[in-house]
Amino acid sequence: MNWEQKIEQLAARARDERPPRVDVASGVLGILAAGQPVPSGVAERLWIWLAAGASAVAVPAAIAAFVLYTRSVQPLSEIVEAIAWAS
């Protein structure tokens, strides 16, 4: 039996397998009904602080970019306006 036949045989066996039945709805509904928040882990806290830091940097950067854009567009628009009236 060559490797292609082995793979086909494994694929056929895998298609015949059925996944186990898992019911997580009752557990989730129980947590939601209890109203007790699940404590966040260290990794989740890290992502929260990382997102807060990124937001704290992004807002001033966006404001600075907007100010720089409005200052740099004004001379260009004056040149375009002068050329448009010349023709």
Protein backbone atom coordinates (compact mmCIF):
# COMPACT_ATOMS: atom_id res chain seq x y z
CA MET A 1 0.00 0.00 0.00
CA ASN A 2 1.54 3.32 -1.05
CA TRP A 3 1.25 6.63 0.80
CA GLU A 4 -1.63 7.92 -1.38
CA GLN A 5 -3.78 4.91 -0.48
CA LYS A 6 -2.90 5.36 3.20
CA ILE A 7 -3.96 8.99 3.07
CA GLU A 8 -7.20 8.10 1.28
CA GLN A 9 -7.91 5.42 3.88
CA LEU A 10 -7.24 7.87 6.73
CA ALA A 11 -9.47 10.47 5.06
CA ALA A 12 -12.28 7.93 4.74
CA ARG A 13 -11.96 7.02 8.42
CA ALA A 14 -11.93 10.70 9.38
CA ARG A 15 -15.11 11.35 7.39
CA ASP A 16 -16.86 8.53 9.27
CA GLU A 17 -15.94 9.96 12.69
CA ARG A 18 -18.55 12.00 14.47
CA PRO A 19 -17.60 14.85 16.81
CA PRO A 20 -18.52 14.42 20.47
CA ARG A 21 -21.66 16.18 21.63
CA VAL A 22 -20.77 19.06 23.90
CA ASP A 23 -23.30 21.28 25.63
CA VAL A 24 -21.77 24.49 26.95
CA ALA A 25 -24.93 26.56 26.81
CA SER A 26 -26.04 25.65 30.34
CA GLY A 27 -22.68 26.61 31.80
CA VAL A 28 -22.59 29.94 29.98
CA LEU A 29 -26.17 30.74 30.91
CA GLY A 30 -25.38 29.88 34.52
CA ILE A 31 -22.46 32.33 34.58
CA LEU A 32 -24.58 35.02 32.97
CA ALA A 33 -27.47 34.44 35.36
CA ALA A 34 -25.20 34.60 38.39
CA GLY A 35 -24.05 38.06 37.35
CA GLN A 36 -20.56 37.41 38.66
CA PRO A 37 -17.86 38.57 36.25
CA VAL A 38 -15.17 36.11 35.39
CA PRO A 39 -11.82 37.55 36.54
CA SER A 40 -9.57 38.47 33.67
CA GLY A 41 -6.23 36.79 33.40
CA VAL A 42 -2.80 38.30 33.06
CA ALA A 43 -2.83 38.04 29.27
CA GLU A 44 -6.18 39.84 29.03
CA ARG A 45 -4.96 42.64 31.30
CA LEU A 46 -1.86 42.99 29.14
CA TRP A 47 -4.00 43.41 26.01
CA ILE A 48 -6.22 45.95 27.78
CA TRP A 49 -3.24 48.08 28.82
CA LEU A 50 -1.70 47.73 25.37
CA ALA A 51 -4.92 48.96 23.75
CA ALA A 52 -5.17 51.85 26.19
CA GLY A 53 -1.58 52.87 25.48
CA ALA A 54 -2.09 52.63 21.73
CA SER A 55 -5.20 54.80 22.00
CA ALA A 56 -3.35 57.33 24.16
CA VAL A 57 -0.68 57.63 21.47
CA ALA A 58 -3.06 57.54 18.50
CA VAL A 59 -5.29 60.46 19.54
CA PRO A 60 -2.50 63.08 19.84
CA ALA A 61 -0.90 61.71 16.65
CA ALA A 62 -4.18 62.14 14.76
CA ILE A 63 -4.59 65.68 16.08
CA ALA A 64 -1.03 66.57 15.09
CA ALA A 65 -1.53 65.06 11.63
CA PHE A 66 -4.72 67.08 11.13
CA VAL A 67 -3.03 70.33 12.18
CA LEU A 68 -0.04 69.62 9.95
CA TYR A 69 -2.32 68.77 7.04
CA THR A 70 -4.36 71.96 7.35
CA ARG A 71 -1.18 74.07 7.57
CA SER A 72 0.46 72.42 4.57
CA VAL A 73 -2.62 72.50 2.32
CA GLN A 74 -3.17 76.25 2.57
CA PRO A 75 -0.10 77.32 0.49
CA LEU A 76 -0.82 74.63 -2.07
CA SER A 77 -4.44 75.70 -2.42
CA GLU A 78 -3.34 79.32 -2.92
CA ILE A 79 -1.02 78.24 -5.76
CA VAL A 80 -3.77 76.18 -7.38
CA GLU A 81 -6.21 79.06 -7.03
CA ALA A 82 -3.75 81.49 -8.65
CA ILE A 83 -3.13 79.13 -11.56
CA ALA A 84 -6.85 78.48 -12.04
CA TRP A 85 -7.61 82.22 -12.32
CA ALA A 86 -4.68 82.83 -14.70
CA SER A 87 -6.12 80.75 -17.52
